N, C-alpha and C. Protein backbone atom coordinates (compact mmCIF):
# COMPACT_ATOMS: atom_id res chain seq x y z
N MET A 1 8.14 2.75 -24.31
CA MET A 1 8.78 3.10 -22.98
C MET A 1 7.70 3.02 -21.98
N LYS A 2 8.14 2.61 -20.73
CA LYS A 2 7.22 2.48 -19.69
C LYS A 2 7.63 3.48 -18.47
N ALA A 3 6.55 3.88 -17.66
CA ALA A 3 6.85 4.54 -16.42
C ALA A 3 6.02 3.81 -15.42
N TYR A 4 6.59 3.92 -14.20
CA TYR A 4 5.96 3.13 -13.10
C TYR A 4 5.60 4.04 -12.06
N THR A 5 4.32 4.10 -11.61
CA THR A 5 3.89 5.10 -10.58
C THR A 5 3.46 4.35 -9.34
N ILE A 6 3.79 4.96 -8.30
CA ILE A 6 3.19 4.49 -6.92
C ILE A 6 2.13 5.61 -6.54
N VAL A 7 0.91 5.06 -6.23
CA VAL A 7 -0.14 5.97 -5.90
C VAL A 7 -0.61 5.40 -4.40
N PHE A 8 -0.39 6.39 -3.44
CA PHE A 8 -0.63 6.13 -2.08
C PHE A 8 -1.82 7.12 -1.60
N GLU A 9 -3.05 6.59 -1.46
CA GLU A 9 -4.06 7.34 -0.90
C GLU A 9 -4.32 6.91 0.46
N TRP A 10 -4.36 7.87 1.44
CA TRP A 10 -4.58 7.48 2.82
C TRP A 10 -5.53 8.48 3.49
N SER A 11 -6.07 7.98 4.64
CA SER A 11 -7.09 8.74 5.30
C SER A 11 -7.02 8.34 6.78
N THR A 12 -7.17 9.37 7.68
CA THR A 12 -7.37 9.12 9.07
C THR A 12 -8.48 10.09 9.59
N ASP A 13 -8.76 10.23 10.88
CA ASP A 13 -9.76 11.16 11.28
C ASP A 13 -9.42 12.56 11.22
N ASP A 14 -8.08 12.69 11.17
CA ASP A 14 -7.62 14.20 11.22
C ASP A 14 -6.84 14.67 9.92
N CYS A 15 -6.68 13.83 8.94
CA CYS A 15 -6.16 14.25 7.75
C CYS A 15 -6.12 13.13 6.65
N ASP A 16 -5.93 13.47 5.56
CA ASP A 16 -5.91 12.60 4.35
C ASP A 16 -5.04 13.11 3.19
N GLY A 17 -4.76 12.33 2.26
CA GLY A 17 -3.87 12.84 1.15
C GLY A 17 -3.74 11.68 0.05
N VAL A 18 -3.09 12.26 -1.00
CA VAL A 18 -2.73 11.35 -2.08
C VAL A 18 -1.23 11.65 -2.47
N ASP A 19 -0.39 10.75 -2.49
CA ASP A 19 1.06 10.82 -2.79
C ASP A 19 1.10 10.05 -4.16
N VAL A 20 1.82 10.73 -5.06
CA VAL A 20 2.00 10.01 -6.39
C VAL A 20 3.51 10.19 -6.68
N GLU A 21 4.22 9.07 -6.96
CA GLU A 21 5.69 8.93 -7.32
C GLU A 21 5.83 8.36 -8.61
N VAL A 22 6.75 8.77 -9.45
CA VAL A 22 6.97 8.05 -10.71
C VAL A 22 8.32 7.53 -10.74
N PHE A 23 8.54 6.45 -11.39
CA PHE A 23 9.87 5.74 -11.31
C PHE A 23 10.18 5.31 -12.83
N SER A 24 11.38 5.25 -13.11
CA SER A 24 11.90 4.85 -14.42
C SER A 24 12.07 3.37 -14.57
N THR A 25 12.07 2.59 -13.51
CA THR A 25 12.21 1.21 -13.65
C THR A 25 11.20 0.41 -12.67
N TYR A 26 10.75 -0.77 -12.93
CA TYR A 26 9.96 -1.51 -12.06
C TYR A 26 10.67 -1.87 -10.83
N LYS A 27 11.83 -2.11 -10.83
CA LYS A 27 12.67 -2.47 -9.65
C LYS A 27 12.60 -1.29 -8.75
N LYS A 28 12.82 -0.10 -9.04
CA LYS A 28 12.73 1.06 -8.15
C LYS A 28 11.40 1.33 -7.64
N ALA A 29 10.38 1.19 -8.40
CA ALA A 29 8.90 1.32 -8.04
C ALA A 29 8.47 0.24 -6.92
N LEU A 30 8.89 -1.06 -7.23
CA LEU A 30 8.70 -2.14 -6.38
C LEU A 30 9.24 -1.94 -4.97
N ALA A 31 10.48 -1.50 -5.02
CA ALA A 31 11.33 -1.06 -3.77
C ALA A 31 10.49 -0.12 -3.04
N ARG A 32 9.93 0.95 -3.64
CA ARG A 32 9.31 1.94 -2.89
C ARG A 32 7.97 1.48 -2.38
N TYR A 33 7.28 0.67 -3.22
CA TYR A 33 5.90 0.03 -2.92
C TYR A 33 6.22 -0.82 -1.58
N ASN A 34 7.12 -1.64 -1.60
CA ASN A 34 7.47 -2.45 -0.38
C ASN A 34 7.89 -1.63 0.89
N GLU A 35 8.60 -0.53 0.65
CA GLU A 35 9.06 0.34 1.68
C GLU A 35 7.79 0.97 2.27
N ILE A 36 6.89 1.42 1.61
CA ILE A 36 5.69 2.11 2.15
C ILE A 36 4.91 0.97 2.99
N ILE A 37 4.67 -0.19 2.47
CA ILE A 37 3.84 -1.11 3.33
C ILE A 37 4.65 -1.45 4.53
N PHE A 38 6.05 -1.55 4.52
CA PHE A 38 6.87 -1.79 5.81
C PHE A 38 6.59 -0.69 6.70
N ASN A 39 6.68 0.54 6.17
CA ASN A 39 6.63 1.67 7.04
C ASN A 39 5.24 1.79 7.73
N GLU A 40 4.08 1.50 6.99
CA GLU A 40 2.80 1.57 7.46
C GLU A 40 2.43 0.49 8.49
N LYS A 41 3.36 -0.51 8.67
CA LYS A 41 3.09 -1.48 9.70
C LYS A 41 3.84 -1.04 11.03
N LYS A 42 4.39 0.10 10.95
CA LYS A 42 5.12 0.54 12.25
C LYS A 42 4.12 1.46 13.09
N PRO A 43 4.04 1.15 14.41
CA PRO A 43 3.00 1.81 15.08
C PRO A 43 3.31 3.32 15.36
N GLU A 44 4.66 3.74 15.27
CA GLU A 44 4.99 5.07 15.31
C GLU A 44 4.73 5.93 14.19
N ILE A 45 4.28 5.07 13.02
CA ILE A 45 3.94 5.94 11.78
C ILE A 45 2.60 5.82 11.42
N SER A 46 1.88 4.79 11.71
CA SER A 46 0.53 4.63 11.16
C SER A 46 -0.41 3.68 12.02
N TRP A 47 -1.73 4.12 11.92
CA TRP A 47 -2.76 3.34 12.56
C TRP A 47 -2.84 1.86 12.03
N VAL A 48 -2.39 1.66 10.79
CA VAL A 48 -2.35 0.38 10.19
C VAL A 48 -1.73 -0.69 11.00
N ALA A 49 -0.75 -0.28 11.72
CA ALA A 49 0.08 -1.19 12.62
C ALA A 49 -0.86 -1.99 13.49
N ASP A 50 -1.94 -1.40 13.85
CA ASP A 50 -2.91 -2.09 14.79
C ASP A 50 -3.46 -3.30 14.14
N ALA A 51 -3.35 -3.46 12.84
CA ALA A 51 -4.05 -4.61 12.13
C ALA A 51 -3.04 -5.77 11.93
N PHE A 52 -1.86 -5.49 12.40
CA PHE A 52 -0.80 -6.54 12.16
C PHE A 52 -0.10 -7.03 13.54
N ASP A 53 0.35 -8.14 13.60
CA ASP A 53 1.07 -8.68 14.79
C ASP A 53 2.54 -8.17 14.85
N GLY A 54 3.37 -8.50 15.80
CA GLY A 54 4.70 -8.16 15.88
C GLY A 54 5.55 -8.53 14.73
N ASN A 55 5.10 -9.64 13.96
CA ASN A 55 5.96 -10.15 12.97
C ASN A 55 5.36 -9.58 11.51
N GLY A 56 4.48 -8.63 11.61
CA GLY A 56 4.01 -8.02 10.34
C GLY A 56 2.95 -8.99 9.65
N ASN A 57 2.44 -9.92 10.32
CA ASN A 57 1.19 -10.70 9.82
C ASN A 57 -0.07 -10.09 10.01
N PHE A 58 -1.06 -10.10 9.14
CA PHE A 58 -2.31 -9.48 9.28
C PHE A 58 -3.05 -10.26 10.39
N ILE A 59 -3.67 -9.58 11.31
CA ILE A 59 -4.52 -10.07 12.37
C ILE A 59 -5.93 -10.24 11.76
N ASP A 60 -6.30 -11.50 11.69
CA ASP A 60 -7.69 -11.64 11.05
C ASP A 60 -8.81 -11.40 12.11
N ASN A 61 -9.39 -10.20 12.04
CA ASN A 61 -10.49 -9.90 12.88
C ASN A 61 -11.48 -9.19 12.19
N ASP A 62 -12.58 -8.74 12.94
CA ASP A 62 -13.74 -8.09 12.28
C ASP A 62 -13.53 -6.68 12.07
N ASP A 63 -12.39 -6.05 12.64
CA ASP A 63 -12.21 -4.56 12.47
C ASP A 63 -11.44 -4.21 11.29
N TYR A 64 -10.70 -4.90 10.58
CA TYR A 64 -9.90 -4.59 9.54
C TYR A 64 -10.23 -5.41 8.26
N VAL A 65 -10.18 -4.83 7.03
CA VAL A 65 -10.25 -5.53 5.89
C VAL A 65 -9.14 -5.24 5.11
N ILE A 66 -8.40 -6.41 4.46
CA ILE A 66 -7.18 -6.14 3.69
C ILE A 66 -7.49 -6.88 2.34
N GLU A 67 -7.00 -6.19 1.26
CA GLU A 67 -6.98 -6.77 0.08
C GLU A 67 -5.71 -6.46 -0.64
N CYS A 68 -5.03 -7.47 -1.23
CA CYS A 68 -3.87 -7.23 -1.85
C CYS A 68 -3.55 -8.20 -2.98
N SER A 69 -2.75 -7.76 -3.93
CA SER A 69 -2.31 -8.58 -5.00
C SER A 69 -1.53 -9.66 -4.60
N ASP A 70 -1.43 -10.84 -5.25
CA ASP A 70 -0.66 -11.92 -4.77
C ASP A 70 0.11 -12.69 -6.00
N PHE A 71 1.15 -11.99 -6.54
CA PHE A 71 1.93 -12.58 -7.48
C PHE A 71 3.13 -13.07 -6.93
N ASP A 72 3.63 -14.22 -7.34
CA ASP A 72 4.85 -14.82 -6.84
C ASP A 72 6.00 -15.06 -7.80
N ASP A 73 5.72 -14.56 -9.06
CA ASP A 73 6.68 -14.72 -10.09
C ASP A 73 7.53 -13.58 -10.23
N SER A 74 8.41 -13.54 -11.04
CA SER A 74 9.43 -12.40 -11.24
C SER A 74 9.01 -11.44 -12.29
N LYS A 75 7.72 -11.52 -12.86
CA LYS A 75 7.27 -10.67 -13.96
C LYS A 75 6.83 -9.28 -13.34
N GLU A 76 6.80 -8.30 -14.27
CA GLU A 76 6.17 -7.06 -13.84
C GLU A 76 4.68 -7.23 -13.68
N HIS A 77 4.13 -6.70 -12.78
CA HIS A 77 2.70 -6.69 -12.39
C HIS A 77 2.28 -5.31 -11.83
N GLU A 78 1.02 -4.89 -12.18
CA GLU A 78 0.43 -3.94 -11.36
C GLU A 78 0.09 -4.57 -10.08
N LEU A 79 0.28 -3.82 -8.95
CA LEU A 79 0.12 -4.29 -7.62
C LEU A 79 -0.78 -3.44 -6.72
N TRP A 80 -1.47 -4.02 -5.79
CA TRP A 80 -2.28 -3.11 -4.85
C TRP A 80 -2.21 -3.76 -3.53
N TRP A 81 -2.39 -2.89 -2.58
CA TRP A 81 -2.40 -3.18 -1.16
C TRP A 81 -3.43 -2.18 -0.51
N ARG A 82 -4.61 -2.71 -0.04
CA ARG A 82 -5.66 -1.89 0.52
C ARG A 82 -6.09 -2.34 1.92
N ILE A 83 -6.25 -1.45 2.72
CA ILE A 83 -6.53 -1.78 4.11
C ILE A 83 -7.56 -0.77 4.67
N SER A 84 -8.67 -1.17 5.21
CA SER A 84 -9.53 -0.22 5.82
C SER A 84 -9.98 -0.67 7.21
N LYS A 85 -10.41 0.18 8.05
CA LYS A 85 -10.86 -0.08 9.35
C LYS A 85 -12.40 -0.14 9.31
N CYS A 86 -12.98 -1.28 9.59
CA CYS A 86 -14.41 -1.35 9.51
C CYS A 86 -15.24 -0.53 10.48
N SER A 87 -14.76 -0.35 11.67
CA SER A 87 -15.42 0.48 12.61
C SER A 87 -15.39 1.93 12.25
N ASP A 88 -14.57 2.32 11.40
CA ASP A 88 -14.57 3.82 10.95
C ASP A 88 -13.92 3.84 9.50
N TRP A 89 -14.82 3.72 8.54
CA TRP A 89 -14.43 3.51 7.21
C TRP A 89 -13.59 4.62 6.54
N TYR A 90 -13.59 5.77 7.25
CA TYR A 90 -12.58 6.85 6.94
C TYR A 90 -11.30 6.54 6.98
N PHE A 91 -10.85 5.64 7.90
CA PHE A 91 -9.57 5.12 7.96
C PHE A 91 -9.23 4.13 6.88
N HIS A 92 -8.35 4.48 6.07
CA HIS A 92 -7.87 3.57 4.95
C HIS A 92 -6.55 3.95 4.37
N ASP A 93 -5.87 2.90 3.88
CA ASP A 93 -4.72 3.11 3.03
C ASP A 93 -5.01 2.36 1.69
N TYR A 94 -4.85 2.99 0.56
CA TYR A 94 -4.84 2.49 -0.59
C TYR A 94 -3.45 2.54 -1.46
N LEU A 95 -2.87 1.48 -1.66
CA LEU A 95 -1.56 1.64 -2.42
C LEU A 95 -1.56 0.81 -3.61
N GLU A 96 -1.13 1.47 -4.72
CA GLU A 96 -1.07 0.87 -6.02
C GLU A 96 0.30 1.09 -6.74
N LEU A 97 0.73 0.05 -7.43
CA LEU A 97 1.81 0.22 -8.32
C LEU A 97 1.34 0.09 -9.71
N ARG A 98 1.40 1.04 -10.39
CA ARG A 98 0.71 1.09 -11.83
C ARG A 98 1.82 1.05 -12.82
N ILE A 99 1.50 0.49 -14.06
CA ILE A 99 2.52 0.39 -15.19
C ILE A 99 1.89 1.13 -16.17
N LEU A 100 2.59 2.21 -16.71
CA LEU A 100 2.06 3.07 -17.75
C LEU A 100 2.96 2.99 -19.05
N GLU A 101 2.25 2.89 -20.17
CA GLU A 101 3.03 2.88 -21.49
C GLU A 101 2.97 4.36 -21.90
N ILE A 102 4.21 4.72 -22.21
CA ILE A 102 4.43 6.12 -22.55
C ILE A 102 4.76 6.04 -24.12
N LYS A 103 3.82 6.87 -24.91
CA LYS A 103 3.96 6.83 -26.39
C LYS A 103 4.65 8.11 -26.88
């Protein structure tokens, strides 16, 4: 049996935290993973929006670093999406979809 977790670690200059959610299916976990990324790109929600243009594309500049998984098949994969602000390393979002085997 498998469990699927979303681990979202985030930090700004005035707060930080770790949110953990557990899902029974990969489909549900993947939907939540994508929802978090979508929401983080909204300027009214997160500083992360500054690193993206109006179409949600990463702006390649020296102030942000992004690292993400890149799978384009329909198989289950552990996924990650990490973004940091270079001028202030305390600003970061680390998001992971993890697949756990339950025994």
